[in-house]
Amino acid sequence: MDTLAIFSNTLKRLREERGLRQQDVADDLVMTRERLSSYENNHSSPDPHAVAQFAKYYDVSSDFLLGLTDERRIYISTDTTDYLHRSLLDILSGLTEAQQDETVKSLMRYARFLKNDVKDFT
């Protein structure tokens, strides 16, 4: 099965698991029901923004939607979170409170950019 067929099947399965109608999802994501149907029936290819939108909506990774992994979510290990915490503390030490606030805001914008949408970075 190709990636788009997997995407279509996964998209439909996620909607049905939640007991949602196509119109419910379309309304929530501000798209037409016809557009959603075309994705679910493998009649059109989603752009990267649409894949990110569905991943966020269903709280799964884009890799899961595309059939590249069986894991619905990507989890960060405790070792990784400890490393990130120490690294952030190192970055923030020695900065004023205002500089720390601005640095954290910038890092959060950048993280959202990497996770989902370029529009969040502006």
N, C-alpha and C. Protein backbone atom coordinates (compact mmCIF):
# COMPACT_ATOMS: atom_id res chain seq x y z
N MET A 1 0.85 -1.17 0.00
CA MET A 1 0.00 0.00 0.00
C MET A 1 0.90 1.24 0.00
N ASP A 2 0.58 2.21 -0.83
CA ASP A 2 1.41 3.42 -0.90
C ASP A 2 1.08 4.38 0.24
N THR A 3 1.95 5.36 0.42
CA THR A 3 1.84 6.30 1.54
C THR A 3 0.51 7.03 1.54
N LEU A 4 0.04 7.47 0.38
CA LEU A 4 -1.23 8.21 0.33
C LEU A 4 -2.42 7.33 0.68
N ALA A 5 -2.38 6.08 0.27
CA ALA A 5 -3.47 5.16 0.63
C ALA A 5 -3.47 4.91 2.14
N ILE A 6 -2.28 4.78 2.71
CA ILE A 6 -2.18 4.61 4.16
C ILE A 6 -2.71 5.85 4.86
N PHE A 7 -2.31 7.03 4.37
CA PHE A 7 -2.79 8.29 4.94
C PHE A 7 -4.32 8.33 4.92
N SER A 8 -4.91 8.01 3.78
CA SER A 8 -6.37 8.03 3.63
C SER A 8 -7.05 7.10 4.63
N ASN A 9 -6.55 5.87 4.70
CA ASN A 9 -7.14 4.89 5.62
C ASN A 9 -6.99 5.32 7.08
N THR A 10 -5.81 5.83 7.42
CA THR A 10 -5.56 6.26 8.80
C THR A 10 -6.45 7.43 9.17
N LEU A 11 -6.57 8.38 8.26
CA LEU A 11 -7.40 9.56 8.51
C LEU A 11 -8.85 9.16 8.80
N LYS A 12 -9.37 8.29 7.98
CA LYS A 12 -10.75 7.83 8.17
C LYS A 12 -10.89 7.04 9.48
N ARG A 13 -9.92 6.17 9.75
CA ARG A 13 -9.97 5.36 10.97
C ARG A 13 -9.95 6.24 12.23
N LEU A 14 -9.09 7.27 12.24
CA LEU A 14 -9.02 8.17 13.40
C LEU A 14 -10.34 8.90 13.62
N ARG A 15 -10.95 9.33 12.53
CA ARG A 15 -12.24 10.03 12.64
C ARG A 15 -13.31 9.09 13.19
N GLU A 16 -13.35 7.88 12.65
CA GLU A 16 -14.36 6.91 13.09
C GLU A 16 -14.14 6.46 14.53
N GLU A 17 -12.87 6.32 14.95
CA GLU A 17 -12.57 5.94 16.34
C GLU A 17 -13.15 6.95 17.32
N ARG A 18 -13.22 8.19 16.90
CA ARG A 18 -13.73 9.25 17.77
C ARG A 18 -15.23 9.49 17.60
N GLY A 19 -15.85 8.72 16.71
CA GLY A 19 -17.28 8.85 16.51
C GLY A 19 -17.67 10.17 15.85
N LEU A 20 -16.79 10.70 15.04
CA LEU A 20 -17.05 11.99 14.38
C LEU A 20 -17.55 11.79 12.96
N ARG A 21 -18.36 12.72 12.51
CA ARG A 21 -18.78 12.75 11.11
C ARG A 21 -17.77 13.57 10.33
N GLN A 22 -17.72 13.37 9.04
CA GLN A 22 -16.83 14.19 8.21
C GLN A 22 -17.12 15.66 8.40
N GLN A 23 -18.39 16.02 8.49
CA GLN A 23 -18.76 17.43 8.64
C GLN A 23 -18.22 18.00 9.95
N ASP A 24 -18.21 17.19 11.02
CA ASP A 24 -17.67 17.65 12.31
C ASP A 24 -16.20 18.04 12.16
N VAL A 25 -15.43 17.14 11.56
CA VAL A 25 -13.99 17.39 11.39
C VAL A 25 -13.77 18.56 10.45
N ALA A 26 -14.50 18.59 9.36
CA ALA A 26 -14.36 19.69 8.39
C ALA A 26 -14.64 21.03 9.05
N ASP A 27 -15.69 21.10 9.86
CA ASP A 27 -16.01 22.35 10.56
C ASP A 27 -14.89 22.74 11.52
N ASP A 28 -14.40 21.77 12.28
CA ASP A 28 -13.33 22.05 13.25
C ASP A 28 -12.06 22.55 12.57
N LEU A 29 -11.77 22.01 11.39
CA LEU A 29 -10.53 22.36 10.69
C LEU A 29 -10.73 23.44 9.62
N VAL A 30 -11.93 23.97 9.55
CA VAL A 30 -12.28 25.03 8.60
C VAL A 30 -11.91 24.62 7.17
N MET A 31 -12.52 23.51 6.75
CA MET A 31 -12.38 23.05 5.37
C MET A 31 -13.72 22.48 4.95
N THR A 32 -13.89 22.24 3.68
CA THR A 32 -15.15 21.68 3.22
C THR A 32 -15.18 20.18 3.51
N ARG A 33 -16.38 19.66 3.66
CA ARG A 33 -16.54 18.22 3.85
C ARG A 33 -16.04 17.48 2.62
N GLU A 34 -16.24 18.08 1.45
CA GLU A 34 -15.79 17.47 0.20
C GLU A 34 -14.27 17.32 0.17
N ARG A 35 -13.58 18.32 0.67
CA ARG A 35 -12.12 18.24 0.70
C ARG A 35 -11.67 17.11 1.63
N LEU A 36 -12.27 17.04 2.82
CA LEU A 36 -11.93 15.96 3.75
C LEU A 36 -12.23 14.61 3.12
N SER A 37 -13.37 14.49 2.48
CA SER A 37 -13.74 13.25 1.82
C SER A 37 -12.72 12.87 0.75
N SER A 38 -12.23 13.85 0.02
CA SER A 38 -11.25 13.55 -1.03
C SER A 38 -9.95 13.01 -0.43
N TYR A 39 -9.58 13.49 0.76
CA TYR A 39 -8.40 12.94 1.44
C TYR A 39 -8.68 11.52 1.93
N GLU A 40 -9.83 11.32 2.56
CA GLU A 40 -10.17 10.01 3.12
C GLU A 40 -10.35 8.95 2.04
N ASN A 41 -10.72 9.35 0.85
CA ASN A 41 -10.95 8.40 -0.24
C ASN A 41 -9.80 8.34 -1.23
N ASN A 42 -8.68 8.96 -0.85
CA ASN A 42 -7.45 8.93 -1.66
C ASN A 42 -7.67 9.51 -3.06
N HIS A 43 -8.49 10.57 -3.14
CA HIS A 43 -8.72 11.23 -4.42
C HIS A 43 -7.85 12.46 -4.59
N SER A 44 -7.25 12.94 -3.50
CA SER A 44 -6.32 14.07 -3.60
C SER A 44 -5.25 13.94 -2.54
N SER A 45 -4.11 14.55 -2.82
CA SER A 45 -2.95 14.49 -1.93
C SER A 45 -2.95 15.70 -1.01
N PRO A 46 -2.72 15.49 0.28
CA PRO A 46 -2.66 16.62 1.20
C PRO A 46 -1.33 17.35 1.07
N ASP A 47 -1.36 18.66 1.26
CA ASP A 47 -0.10 19.39 1.32
C ASP A 47 0.47 19.25 2.73
N PRO A 48 1.72 19.64 2.95
CA PRO A 48 2.32 19.49 4.28
C PRO A 48 1.52 20.19 5.39
N HIS A 49 0.93 21.33 5.07
CA HIS A 49 0.13 22.04 6.07
C HIS A 49 -1.07 21.20 6.50
N ALA A 50 -1.73 20.55 5.55
CA ALA A 50 -2.89 19.71 5.88
C ALA A 50 -2.47 18.52 6.73
N VAL A 51 -1.34 17.90 6.41
CA VAL A 51 -0.86 16.77 7.21
C VAL A 51 -0.61 17.23 8.65
N ALA A 52 0.04 18.39 8.80
CA ALA A 52 0.31 18.93 10.14
C ALA A 52 -0.99 19.25 10.87
N GLN A 53 -1.96 19.78 10.14
CA GLN A 53 -3.26 20.13 10.72
C GLN A 53 -3.97 18.87 11.25
N PHE A 54 -3.97 17.81 10.47
CA PHE A 54 -4.61 16.56 10.90
C PHE A 54 -3.85 15.94 12.08
N ALA A 55 -2.53 15.97 12.03
CA ALA A 55 -1.73 15.40 13.12
C ALA A 55 -2.04 16.11 14.43
N LYS A 56 -2.11 17.42 14.37
CA LYS A 56 -2.41 18.19 15.58
C LYS A 56 -3.84 17.91 16.06
N TYR A 57 -4.77 17.87 15.14
CA TYR A 57 -6.19 17.65 15.48
C TYR A 57 -6.39 16.29 16.16
N TYR A 58 -5.77 15.25 15.61
CA TYR A 58 -5.95 13.90 16.15
C TYR A 58 -4.90 13.53 17.20
N ASP A 59 -4.00 14.46 17.49
CA ASP A 59 -2.95 14.25 18.49
C ASP A 59 -2.11 13.01 18.18
N VAL A 60 -1.65 12.95 16.93
CA VAL A 60 -0.75 11.89 16.48
C VAL A 60 0.40 12.55 15.72
N SER A 61 1.43 11.78 15.46
CA SER A 61 2.54 12.34 14.68
C SER A 61 2.21 12.26 13.20
N SER A 62 2.84 13.12 12.42
CA SER A 62 2.65 13.06 10.97
C SER A 62 3.20 11.74 10.43
N ASP A 63 4.25 11.21 11.05
CA ASP A 63 4.78 9.91 10.63
C ASP A 63 3.73 8.81 10.79
N PHE A 64 2.95 8.88 11.85
CA PHE A 64 1.88 7.90 12.05
C PHE A 64 0.82 8.04 10.96
N LEU A 65 0.43 9.28 10.68
CA LEU A 65 -0.58 9.51 9.63
C LEU A 65 -0.13 8.96 8.28
N LEU A 66 1.17 9.07 8.00
CA LEU A 66 1.70 8.65 6.71
C LEU A 66 2.13 7.18 6.69
N GLY A 67 1.93 6.49 7.81
CA GLY A 67 2.26 5.07 7.87
C GLY A 67 3.74 4.77 8.01
N LEU A 68 4.51 5.75 8.46
CA LEU A 68 5.95 5.56 8.61
C LEU A 68 6.32 4.96 9.96
N THR A 69 5.37 4.97 10.89
CA THR A 69 5.56 4.36 12.21
C THR A 69 4.21 3.89 12.73
N ASP A 70 4.25 2.90 13.61
CA ASP A 70 3.03 2.43 14.26
C ASP A 70 2.75 3.16 15.56
N GLU A 71 3.72 3.96 16.00
CA GLU A 71 3.57 4.74 17.23
C GLU A 71 2.75 5.99 16.94
N ARG A 72 1.65 6.16 17.64
CA ARG A 72 0.80 7.33 17.40
C ARG A 72 1.50 8.62 17.78
N ARG A 73 2.25 8.59 18.86
CA ARG A 73 2.93 9.79 19.34
C ARG A 73 4.41 9.49 19.49
N ILE A 74 5.21 10.52 19.38
CA ILE A 74 6.63 10.40 19.61
C ILE A 74 6.88 10.88 21.04
N TYR A 75 7.44 10.01 21.84
CA TYR A 75 7.69 10.34 23.24
C TYR A 75 9.17 10.63 23.45
N ILE A 76 9.43 11.56 24.36
CA ILE A 76 10.80 11.94 24.68
C ILE A 76 11.20 11.21 25.95
N SER A 77 12.37 10.59 25.94
CA SER A 77 12.84 9.85 27.11
C SER A 77 13.19 10.79 28.25
N THR A 78 13.24 10.24 29.44
CA THR A 78 13.61 11.03 30.62
C THR A 78 15.02 11.58 30.47
N ASP A 79 15.93 10.79 29.92
CA ASP A 79 17.31 11.27 29.71
C ASP A 79 17.32 12.49 28.81
N THR A 80 16.51 12.47 27.77
CA THR A 80 16.45 13.60 26.85
C THR A 80 15.87 14.82 27.53
N THR A 81 14.82 14.64 28.30
CA THR A 81 14.22 15.80 28.98
C THR A 81 15.17 16.37 30.02
N ASP A 82 15.92 15.51 30.72
CA ASP A 82 16.92 15.99 31.68
C ASP A 82 17.99 16.81 30.97
N TYR A 83 18.45 16.30 29.82
CA TYR A 83 19.47 17.01 29.04
C TYR A 83 18.93 18.37 28.58
N LEU A 84 17.71 18.39 28.08
CA LEU A 84 17.11 19.65 27.62
C LEU A 84 16.95 20.64 28.77
N HIS A 85 16.55 20.14 29.92
CA HIS A 85 16.38 21.00 31.10
C HIS A 85 17.72 21.62 31.50
N ARG A 86 18.76 20.80 31.60
CA ARG A 86 20.09 21.31 31.95
C ARG A 86 20.59 22.31 30.91
N SER A 87 20.37 22.01 29.64
CA SER A 87 20.82 22.90 28.57
C SER A 87 20.11 24.24 28.64
N LEU A 88 18.82 24.22 28.89
CA LEU A 88 18.06 25.46 28.99
C LEU A 88 18.54 26.29 30.18
N LEU A 89 18.78 25.64 31.31
CA LEU A 89 19.29 26.36 32.47
C LEU A 89 20.65 26.99 32.18
N ASP A 90 21.51 26.27 31.44
CA ASP A 90 22.81 26.83 31.06
C ASP A 90 22.65 28.06 30.18
N ILE A 91 21.72 27.99 29.24
CA ILE A 91 21.48 29.11 28.32
C ILE A 91 20.98 30.32 29.09
N LEU A 92 20.08 30.11 30.04
CA LEU A 92 19.44 31.21 30.75
C LEU A 92 20.29 31.81 31.87
N SER A 93 21.23 31.04 32.38
CA SER A 93 22.03 31.56 33.50
C SER A 93 22.84 32.77 33.04
N GLY A 94 22.85 33.77 33.88
CA GLY A 94 23.60 34.98 33.57
C GLY A 94 22.80 36.02 32.79
N LEU A 95 21.59 35.67 32.36
CA LEU A 95 20.76 36.64 31.65
C LEU A 95 19.86 37.37 32.65
N THR A 96 19.48 38.56 32.30
CA THR A 96 18.50 39.28 33.13
C THR A 96 17.15 38.59 33.00
N GLU A 97 16.23 38.91 33.89
CA GLU A 97 14.90 38.30 33.83
C GLU A 97 14.21 38.61 32.50
N ALA A 98 14.34 39.84 32.03
CA ALA A 98 13.74 40.22 30.75
C ALA A 98 14.36 39.42 29.60
N GLN A 99 15.67 39.25 29.63
CA GLN A 99 16.34 38.47 28.59
C GLN A 99 15.92 37.00 28.66
N GLN A 100 15.76 36.49 29.87
CA GLN A 100 15.31 35.11 30.03
C GLN A 100 13.91 34.93 29.44
N ASP A 101 13.00 35.86 29.76
CA ASP A 101 11.64 35.79 29.22
C ASP A 101 11.65 35.80 27.70
N GLU A 102 12.41 36.70 27.12
CA GLU A 102 12.47 36.82 25.66
C GLU A 102 13.09 35.57 25.03
N THR A 103 14.11 35.03 25.67
CA THR A 103 14.76 33.82 25.16
C THR A 103 13.79 32.64 25.19
N VAL A 104 13.07 32.47 26.28
CA VAL A 104 12.10 31.37 26.39
C VAL A 104 11.00 31.54 25.34
N LYS A 105 10.49 32.75 25.15
CA LYS A 105 9.47 33.00 24.13
C LYS A 105 9.99 32.65 22.74
N SER A 106 11.22 33.04 22.45
CA SER A 106 11.82 32.74 21.14
C SER A 106 11.99 31.24 20.95
N LEU A 107 12.43 30.55 21.98
CA LEU A 107 12.59 29.10 21.89
C LEU A 107 11.25 28.40 21.68
N MET A 108 10.21 28.88 22.33
CA MET A 108 8.88 28.30 22.16
C MET A 108 8.35 28.52 20.75
N ARG A 109 8.56 29.73 20.22
CA ARG A 109 8.14 29.99 18.83
C ARG A 109 8.89 29.07 17.88
N TYR A 110 10.17 28.91 18.11
CA TYR A 110 10.98 28.05 17.24
C TYR A 110 10.52 26.59 17.34
N ALA A 111 10.22 26.13 18.55
CA ALA A 111 9.74 24.76 18.73
C ALA A 111 8.41 24.55 18.00
N ARG A 112 7.50 25.52 18.07
CA ARG A 112 6.22 25.41 17.34
C ARG A 112 6.47 25.39 15.84
N PHE A 113 7.42 26.19 15.39
CA PHE A 113 7.79 26.21 13.98
C PHE A 113 8.24 24.82 13.54
N LEU A 114 9.11 24.22 14.31
CA LEU A 114 9.61 22.90 13.96
C LEU A 114 8.51 21.84 14.03
N LYS A 115 7.61 22.00 14.97
CA LYS A 115 6.56 20.99 15.17
C LYS A 115 5.47 21.06 14.11
N ASN A 116 5.02 22.26 13.80
CA ASN A 116 3.81 22.35 12.98
C ASN A 116 3.90 23.28 11.79
N ASP A 117 3.86 24.56 12.05
CA ASP A 117 3.60 25.50 10.98
C ASP A 117 4.60 26.64 10.95
N VAL A 118 4.98 27.01 9.75
CA VAL A 118 5.86 28.16 9.57
C VAL A 118 5.18 29.42 10.08
N LYS A 119 3.86 29.51 9.97
CA LYS A 119 3.14 30.72 10.38
C LYS A 119 3.31 31.02 11.87
N ASP A 120 3.56 29.98 12.71
CA ASP A 120 3.74 30.19 14.14
C ASP A 120 5.06 30.89 14.46
N PHE A 121 5.97 30.92 13.51
CA PHE A 121 7.30 31.45 13.78
C PHE A 121 7.34 32.96 13.67
N THR A 122 6.35 33.57 13.05
CA THR A 122 6.36 35.02 12.86
C THR A 122 5.92 35.76 14.08
